[in-house]
Amino acid sequence: MLRSMAFLLCGSIALTAVAQDAKPTTVLGGIDNPCGVAVQAATGHVFIAAHSGVHRFDPKSGKAHVEISGFPTDIYGKGPKYNIGPLGLAFWDDEHLIVGDGSRLDGDELVRIYKVGKDAAHPPIKEDAAVATLGPIKASEESAKGEGNFYGVASNGKSIFITCNGDDTKGWIAKSTAANGKPGALKLSIATKVATEVDAPVPVIFSLDGKDLVVGQMGEVSTPPGDSLLSIYDPETGKLKKNYKTGLNDIAGLAYSPKTKKLYATDYSWSDPKAGGLFRLDIDGDSIKAVKIASLDKPTACAFDKNGVLYVAVFGTVAEGSDKPAGSLVKFDSGL
């Protein structure tokens, strides 16, 4: 099966560095290891998942609040190691936020759905006060250790897709299908490593027309460099439709611009942070040209608002001798 899929992997890559004329503006600093970003369409509020919980940022007032708190802590990475909490974020609808967990051990992780209003929650919503809970996905023949580190979340109001980083031999994407307006059980759906021979599905989004599932396959965090893939799946059948080599090191975020319809990716670049940043992915037939837009210090998730402003979560690097969080939320003004 692996080799039968391999013909889909195109070998043409063009990685081009261009003048970095897109300048990010830091809108929120001091965030502890931010990993997920989602924008509430009705308000334009930006939700950020970090080790300390889920935060809400109001671009108009410039104020931020903790929206959901009380998550436990897990540790991710082999060196360096990071404290993590909630990871992936996406909206089910304007009032319901899906949160993929990273704060527990594999096999115990959960996907929570919270009701969030137009105004910040005071006091913050408690982690266990979700209106719906999906999972956990326990160890089984399909997943040796059970699933966890639910980094990427995508929803079209009918189905929810969650990237998992539990069983590294399979690289699962899990799926929940709605019934009577409510999300169903979380089940293993697409074994991405079996399909692509590359590890670690991380970001997941729907294509602009909603017909395809677009996945960033991060690859190994250390070696080899440049192994990240952009993979396209049929969301109904789970069939791999297209697979592109990107030349990027570690794709951590994906987002389509609502204005230009162009696709953007963040490269965390574990082994060489200076090579990371924000990239535009230009697809031409069977090849991708990754065009660097701006350098960023270990960027993770990204999301556009309806006006075309791009928000990016940035891990950052803690200064030597400091115990202050180095994470931030930055924005790129409309035009991308």
Protein backbone atom coordinates (compact mmCIF):
# COMPACT_ATOMS: atom_id res chain seq x y z
CA MET A 1 0.00 0.00 0.00
CA LEU A 2 2.82 2.37 0.85
CA ARG A 3 4.44 1.99 -2.53
CA SER A 4 1.12 2.20 -4.37
CA MET A 5 0.62 5.61 -2.78
CA ALA A 6 4.15 6.78 -3.43
CA PHE A 7 3.46 7.68 -7.07
CA LEU A 8 1.37 10.59 -5.83
CA LEU A 9 4.40 12.22 -4.26
CA CYS A 10 5.75 14.74 -6.69
CA GLY A 11 9.46 15.42 -6.76
CA SER A 12 9.48 19.00 -7.96
CA ILE A 13 10.23 21.60 -5.27
CA ALA A 14 11.09 25.25 -5.66
CA LEU A 15 11.92 27.00 -2.40
CA THR A 16 12.39 30.69 -2.99
CA ALA A 17 13.39 33.40 -0.52
CA VAL A 18 11.95 36.79 -1.37
CA ALA A 19 12.20 40.27 0.08
CA GLN A 20 10.48 40.21 3.45
CA ASP A 21 8.21 43.20 2.97
CA ALA A 22 5.37 41.83 5.12
CA LYS A 23 6.05 43.02 8.65
CA PRO A 24 4.37 41.34 11.62
CA THR A 25 2.98 43.43 14.46
CA THR A 26 2.97 41.95 17.96
CA VAL A 27 -0.52 42.39 19.42
CA LEU A 28 -0.14 40.21 22.52
CA GLY A 29 3.00 39.13 24.36
CA GLY A 30 3.99 37.04 27.35
CA ILE A 31 2.05 33.97 26.23
CA ASP A 32 3.24 30.61 27.52
CA ASN A 33 3.81 28.28 24.55
CA PRO A 34 0.89 29.27 22.27
CA CYS A 35 -0.15 26.50 19.88
CA GLY A 36 -3.66 27.11 18.50
CA VAL A 37 -5.44 30.07 16.92
CA ALA A 38 -9.06 30.54 15.84
CA VAL A 39 -11.06 33.66 14.96
CA GLN A 40 -14.70 34.07 15.99
CA ALA A 41 -16.36 35.34 12.81
CA ALA A 42 -19.14 37.36 14.45
CA THR A 43 -16.88 39.37 16.76
CA GLY A 44 -13.42 39.14 15.19
CA HIS A 45 -12.10 38.01 18.57
CA VAL A 46 -9.00 35.83 18.39
CA PHE A 47 -8.78 32.72 20.58
CA ILE A 48 -5.32 31.40 21.45
CA ALA A 49 -4.55 28.02 23.01
CA ALA A 50 -1.51 28.09 25.30
CA HIS A 51 -0.05 26.15 28.21
CA SER A 52 -1.99 28.37 30.62
CA GLY A 53 -5.35 27.83 28.92
CA VAL A 54 -7.42 29.33 26.12
CA HIS A 55 -7.20 33.12 25.85
CA ARG A 56 -9.51 35.57 24.07
CA PHE A 57 -8.05 38.69 22.43
CA ASP A 58 -10.25 41.59 21.29
CA PRO A 59 -8.46 43.44 18.45
CA LYS A 60 -10.63 46.55 18.89
CA SER A 61 -9.87 47.11 22.57
CA GLY A 62 -6.48 45.42 22.58
CA LYS A 63 -7.50 43.54 25.73
CA ALA A 64 -6.99 39.86 26.43
CA HIS A 65 -8.71 37.56 28.93
CA VAL A 66 -8.39 33.94 29.95
CA GLU A 67 -11.50 32.31 28.49
CA ILE A 68 -11.00 28.67 29.55
CA SER A 69 -8.73 27.58 32.41
CA GLY A 70 -7.85 24.60 34.57
CA PHE A 71 -6.13 22.36 32.05
CA PRO A 72 -3.49 19.95 33.37
CA THR A 73 0.05 19.98 31.94
CA ASP A 74 1.90 17.55 29.70
CA ILE A 75 5.45 17.78 28.34
CA TYR A 76 6.18 17.63 24.61
CA GLY A 77 9.49 17.16 22.85
CA LYS A 78 12.71 15.24 23.34
CA GLY A 79 14.99 18.27 23.61
CA PRO A 80 14.06 20.96 24.07
CA LYS A 81 11.00 20.02 26.09
CA TYR A 82 7.94 22.24 26.42
CA ASN A 83 5.03 22.42 28.85
CA ILE A 84 1.80 22.23 26.89
CA GLY A 85 -1.92 22.42 27.58
CA PRO A 86 -4.71 22.82 25.02
CA LEU A 87 -3.50 22.72 21.42
CA GLY A 88 -5.81 22.87 18.40
CA LEU A 89 -8.72 25.30 18.04
CA ALA A 90 -11.57 25.70 15.57
CA PHE A 91 -15.14 26.97 15.70
CA TRP A 92 -18.05 24.57 15.24
CA ASP A 93 -20.28 27.63 14.86
CA ASP A 94 -20.11 31.19 16.16
CA GLU A 95 -20.97 30.11 19.70
CA HIS A 96 -19.07 26.84 20.06
CA LEU A 97 -15.30 26.47 20.21
CA ILE A 98 -13.62 23.10 19.65
CA VAL A 99 -10.47 22.55 21.70
CA GLY A 100 -8.04 19.72 20.99
CA ASP A 101 -6.21 18.67 24.15
CA GLY A 102 -2.51 18.20 24.70
CA SER A 103 -2.45 18.38 28.48
CA ARG A 104 -2.85 14.68 29.26
CA LEU A 105 -1.09 11.43 28.39
CA ASP A 106 -1.75 9.68 25.09
CA GLY A 107 -4.88 7.60 25.42
CA ASP A 108 -6.38 10.04 27.93
CA GLU A 109 -6.53 13.18 25.76
CA LEU A 110 -9.92 14.74 25.05
CA VAL A 111 -11.56 17.03 22.55
CA ARG A 112 -13.82 19.51 24.30
CA ILE A 113 -16.49 21.80 22.86
CA TYR A 114 -17.30 24.97 24.82
CA LYS A 115 -20.04 27.53 24.44
CA VAL A 116 -18.46 30.97 24.14
CA GLY A 117 -20.40 34.21 23.83
CA LYS A 118 -19.69 37.55 22.21
CA ASP A 119 -18.11 38.80 25.42
CA ALA A 120 -15.28 37.35 27.49
CA ALA A 121 -16.24 34.86 30.19
CA HIS A 122 -15.95 36.19 33.75
CA PRO A 123 -14.87 34.11 35.58
CA PRO A 124 -13.16 31.88 32.99
CA ILE A 125 -14.93 28.72 31.89
CA LYS A 126 -13.60 25.69 33.73
CA GLU A 127 -11.83 23.07 31.64
CA ASP A 128 -14.34 20.36 32.59
CA ALA A 129 -17.39 22.58 31.91
CA ALA A 130 -17.60 21.75 28.21
CA VAL A 131 -20.99 21.27 26.56
CA ALA A 132 -19.61 18.20 24.78
CA THR A 133 -16.57 15.96 25.19
CA LEU A 134 -15.16 13.64 22.52
CA GLY A 135 -12.71 10.85 23.18
CA PRO A 136 -10.48 9.61 24.60
CA ILE A 137 -9.07 7.27 21.97
CA LYS A 138 -7.65 4.41 23.98
CA ALA A 139 -4.89 1.98 22.98
CA SER A 140 -6.03 -0.65 20.50
CA GLU A 141 -4.83 -2.66 17.52
CA GLU A 142 -5.10 0.54 15.46
CA SER A 143 -3.22 2.74 17.93
CA ALA A 144 -0.62 1.03 20.09
CA LYS A 145 -0.48 3.68 22.83
CA GLY A 146 -3.76 5.46 22.27
CA GLU A 147 -4.02 8.90 20.68
CA GLY A 148 -3.11 12.33 21.97
CA ASN A 149 -1.60 15.72 21.20
CA PHE A 150 -4.64 16.82 19.22
CA TYR A 151 -2.87 19.68 17.50
CA GLY A 152 -5.00 20.41 14.43
CA VAL A 153 -8.76 20.91 14.33
CA ALA A 154 -10.97 21.50 11.29
CA SER A 155 -14.76 21.72 11.19
CA ASN A 156 -17.36 22.42 8.54
CA GLY A 157 -20.35 22.19 10.89
CA LYS A 158 -20.99 18.62 9.78
CA SER A 159 -17.75 16.86 10.63
CA ILE A 160 -14.79 17.53 12.89
CA PHE A 161 -11.30 16.37 11.93
CA ILE A 162 -8.52 16.16 14.52
CA THR A 163 -4.85 15.45 13.83
CA CYS A 164 -3.34 13.02 16.34
CA ASN A 165 0.26 12.44 17.38
CA GLY A 166 0.01 9.29 19.43
CA ASP A 167 0.87 6.23 17.34
CA ASP A 168 3.75 7.48 15.18
CA THR A 169 3.56 4.42 12.95
CA LYS A 170 0.11 5.42 11.70
CA GLY A 171 -0.14 9.23 11.96
CA TRP A 172 -3.88 9.23 12.53
CA ILE A 173 -6.48 11.84 11.79
CA ALA A 174 -9.63 11.26 13.85
CA LYS A 175 -13.14 12.20 12.75
CA SER A 176 -16.43 13.03 14.44
CA THR A 177 -19.57 13.13 12.29
CA ALA A 178 -22.57 15.13 13.44
CA ALA A 179 -25.98 13.56 13.95
CA ASN A 180 -29.05 15.67 14.74
CA GLY A 181 -26.83 18.72 15.08
CA LYS A 182 -24.56 17.12 17.67
CA PRO A 183 -21.03 15.77 17.16
CA GLY A 184 -20.73 12.00 17.17
CA ALA A 185 -18.08 9.71 18.61
CA LEU A 186 -14.44 10.45 17.80
CA LYS A 187 -13.09 7.65 15.60
CA LEU A 188 -9.80 7.01 13.85
CA SER A 189 -10.22 7.86 10.19
CA ILE A 190 -7.09 8.51 8.08
CA ALA A 191 -3.69 6.88 8.66
CA THR A 192 -1.57 9.62 7.12
CA LYS A 193 1.84 8.01 7.61
CA VAL A 194 0.62 4.85 5.92
CA ALA A 195 -0.50 6.98 2.98
CA THR A 196 2.51 9.30 2.72
CA GLU A 197 5.39 7.52 4.49
CA VAL A 198 6.03 10.74 6.45
CA ASP A 199 5.36 11.30 10.14
CA ALA A 200 3.26 13.74 12.15
CA PRO A 201 0.06 15.25 10.75
CA VAL A 202 -0.20 18.65 12.44
CA PRO A 203 -2.36 21.42 10.87
CA VAL A 204 -5.60 20.50 9.11
CA ILE A 205 -8.03 22.79 7.27
CA PHE A 206 -10.69 22.55 4.60
CA SER A 207 -10.05 23.78 1.08
CA LEU A 208 -11.77 26.99 0.05
CA ASP A 209 -14.57 25.10 -1.70
CA GLY A 210 -14.94 22.72 1.25
CA LYS A 211 -14.43 19.65 -0.90
CA ASP A 212 -10.94 18.68 0.28
CA LEU A 213 -9.14 18.19 3.55
CA VAL A 214 -5.75 19.92 3.50
CA VAL A 215 -3.12 18.56 5.91
CA GLY A 216 0.37 19.68 6.81
CA GLN A 217 2.53 16.63 7.41
CA MET A 218 5.27 17.99 9.70
CA GLY A 219 7.72 15.12 9.31
CA GLU A 220 10.57 14.40 11.70
CA VAL A 221 11.40 17.38 13.94
CA SER A 222 15.15 16.88 13.68
CA THR A 223 16.19 15.12 10.49
CA PRO A 224 15.92 15.05 7.56
CA PRO A 225 15.36 18.77 6.90
CA GLY A 226 12.81 19.85 4.32
CA ASP A 227 10.59 16.76 4.70
CA SER A 228 7.25 18.49 5.36
CA LEU A 229 4.41 17.65 3.00
CA LEU A 230 1.14 19.25 1.97
CA SER A 231 -1.40 16.45 1.55
CA ILE A 232 -4.91 16.59 0.10
CA TYR A 233 -7.57 14.07 1.15
CA ASP A 234 -11.17 13.37 0.31
CA PRO A 235 -12.92 14.09 3.65
CA GLU A 236 -15.67 11.55 2.94
CA THR A 237 -13.56 8.55 1.92
CA GLY A 238 -10.22 9.47 3.48
CA LYS A 239 -8.49 8.77 0.17
CA LEU A 240 -5.23 10.59 -0.54
CA LYS A 241 -5.80 12.73 -3.63
CA LYS A 242 -2.55 14.66 -3.88
CA ASN A 243 0.74 14.93 -2.03
CA TYR A 244 3.27 17.73 -2.41
CA LYS A 245 6.82 18.08 -1.17
CA THR A 246 7.17 21.61 0.18
CA GLY A 247 10.84 21.85 1.13
CA LEU A 248 9.80 23.24 4.52
CA ASN A 249 11.15 21.75 7.73
CA ASP A 250 8.14 21.53 10.06
CA ILE A 251 4.77 22.81 8.88
CA ALA A 252 2.79 23.81 11.97
CA GLY A 253 0.00 26.01 10.60
CA LEU A 254 -2.09 26.41 7.44
CA ALA A 255 -4.61 29.06 6.40
CA TYR A 256 -6.25 30.36 3.22
CA SER A 257 -6.57 34.11 2.74
CA PRO A 258 -10.24 35.06 2.34
CA LYS A 259 -9.19 37.97 0.13
CA THR A 260 -6.57 36.59 -2.24
CA LYS A 261 -7.49 32.88 -1.86
CA LYS A 262 -3.78 32.08 -1.45
CA LEU A 263 -2.53 29.40 0.92
CA TYR A 264 -0.11 30.23 3.73
CA ALA A 265 1.93 27.99 6.02
CA THR A 266 4.03 28.48 9.12
CA ASP A 267 7.30 26.57 9.45
CA TYR A 268 8.30 25.96 13.08
CA SER A 269 11.66 24.59 11.92
CA TRP A 270 12.74 22.74 15.08
CA SER A 271 16.31 22.02 14.00
CA ASP A 272 16.99 25.46 12.51
CA PRO A 273 14.66 28.15 13.93
CA LYS A 274 16.28 30.87 11.80
CA ALA A 275 14.96 29.11 8.70
CA GLY A 276 11.38 29.19 9.99
CA GLY A 277 8.66 31.73 9.43
CA LEU A 278 5.60 32.48 7.35
CA PHE A 279 5.46 31.14 3.80
CA ARG A 280 3.07 31.38 0.88
CA LEU A 281 2.54 28.04 -0.86
CA ASP A 282 2.10 28.53 -4.60
CA ILE A 283 0.79 25.37 -6.24
CA ASP A 284 1.51 24.93 -9.95
CA GLY A 285 0.39 21.59 -11.29
CA ASP A 286 2.34 18.92 -9.43
CA SER A 287 4.78 21.24 -7.69
CA ILE A 288 4.82 23.79 -4.89
CA LYS A 289 6.92 26.90 -4.55
CA ALA A 290 7.26 27.95 -0.92
CA VAL A 291 7.79 31.72 -0.86
CA LYS A 292 9.07 33.17 2.40
CA ILE A 293 7.02 36.13 3.57
CA ALA A 294 8.58 36.82 6.97
CA SER A 295 10.94 35.25 9.50
CA LEU A 296 9.34 34.28 12.82
CA ASP A 297 10.81 32.62 15.90
CA LYS A 298 9.12 29.20 15.99
CA PRO A 299 5.62 30.02 14.68
CA THR A 300 2.81 27.55 15.31
CA ALA A 301 -0.83 27.98 14.27
CA CYS A 302 -2.27 30.71 12.07
CA ALA A 303 -5.75 31.96 11.13
CA PHE A 304 -7.25 34.75 9.03
CA ASP A 305 -10.13 36.95 10.06
CA LYS A 306 -12.84 37.83 7.54
CA ASN A 307 -11.05 41.06 6.61
CA GLY A 308 -7.88 39.27 5.59
CA VAL A 309 -5.80 39.99 8.69
CA LEU A 310 -3.59 37.00 9.49
CA TYR A 311 -2.93 36.09 13.12
CA VAL A 312 0.03 33.84 13.96
CA ALA A 313 0.94 32.25 17.28
CA VAL A 314 4.69 32.36 17.93
CA PHE A 315 6.45 30.20 20.53
CA GLY A 316 9.49 32.44 20.72
CA THR A 317 12.70 31.72 22.61
CA VAL A 318 12.98 32.34 26.34
CA ALA A 319 15.92 34.61 27.12
CA GLU A 320 18.77 32.96 28.98
CA GLY A 321 18.23 33.26 32.71
CA SER A 322 14.62 34.40 32.29
CA ASP A 323 11.49 32.61 33.46
CA LYS A 324 9.10 34.88 31.55
CA PRO A 325 7.07 33.31 28.72
CA ALA A 326 8.38 34.30 25.29
CA GLY A 327 5.28 33.46 23.28
CA SER A 328 3.26 36.02 21.37
CA LEU A 329 0.40 36.63 18.98
CA VAL A 330 1.38 38.61 15.90
CA LYS A 331 -0.65 39.90 13.00
CA PHE A 332 -0.09 40.68 9.35
CA ASP A 333 -2.42 43.35 8.04
CA SER A 334 -4.72 42.52 5.15
CA GLY A 335 -3.06 42.19 1.78
CA LEU A 336 -1.65 38.66 1.94
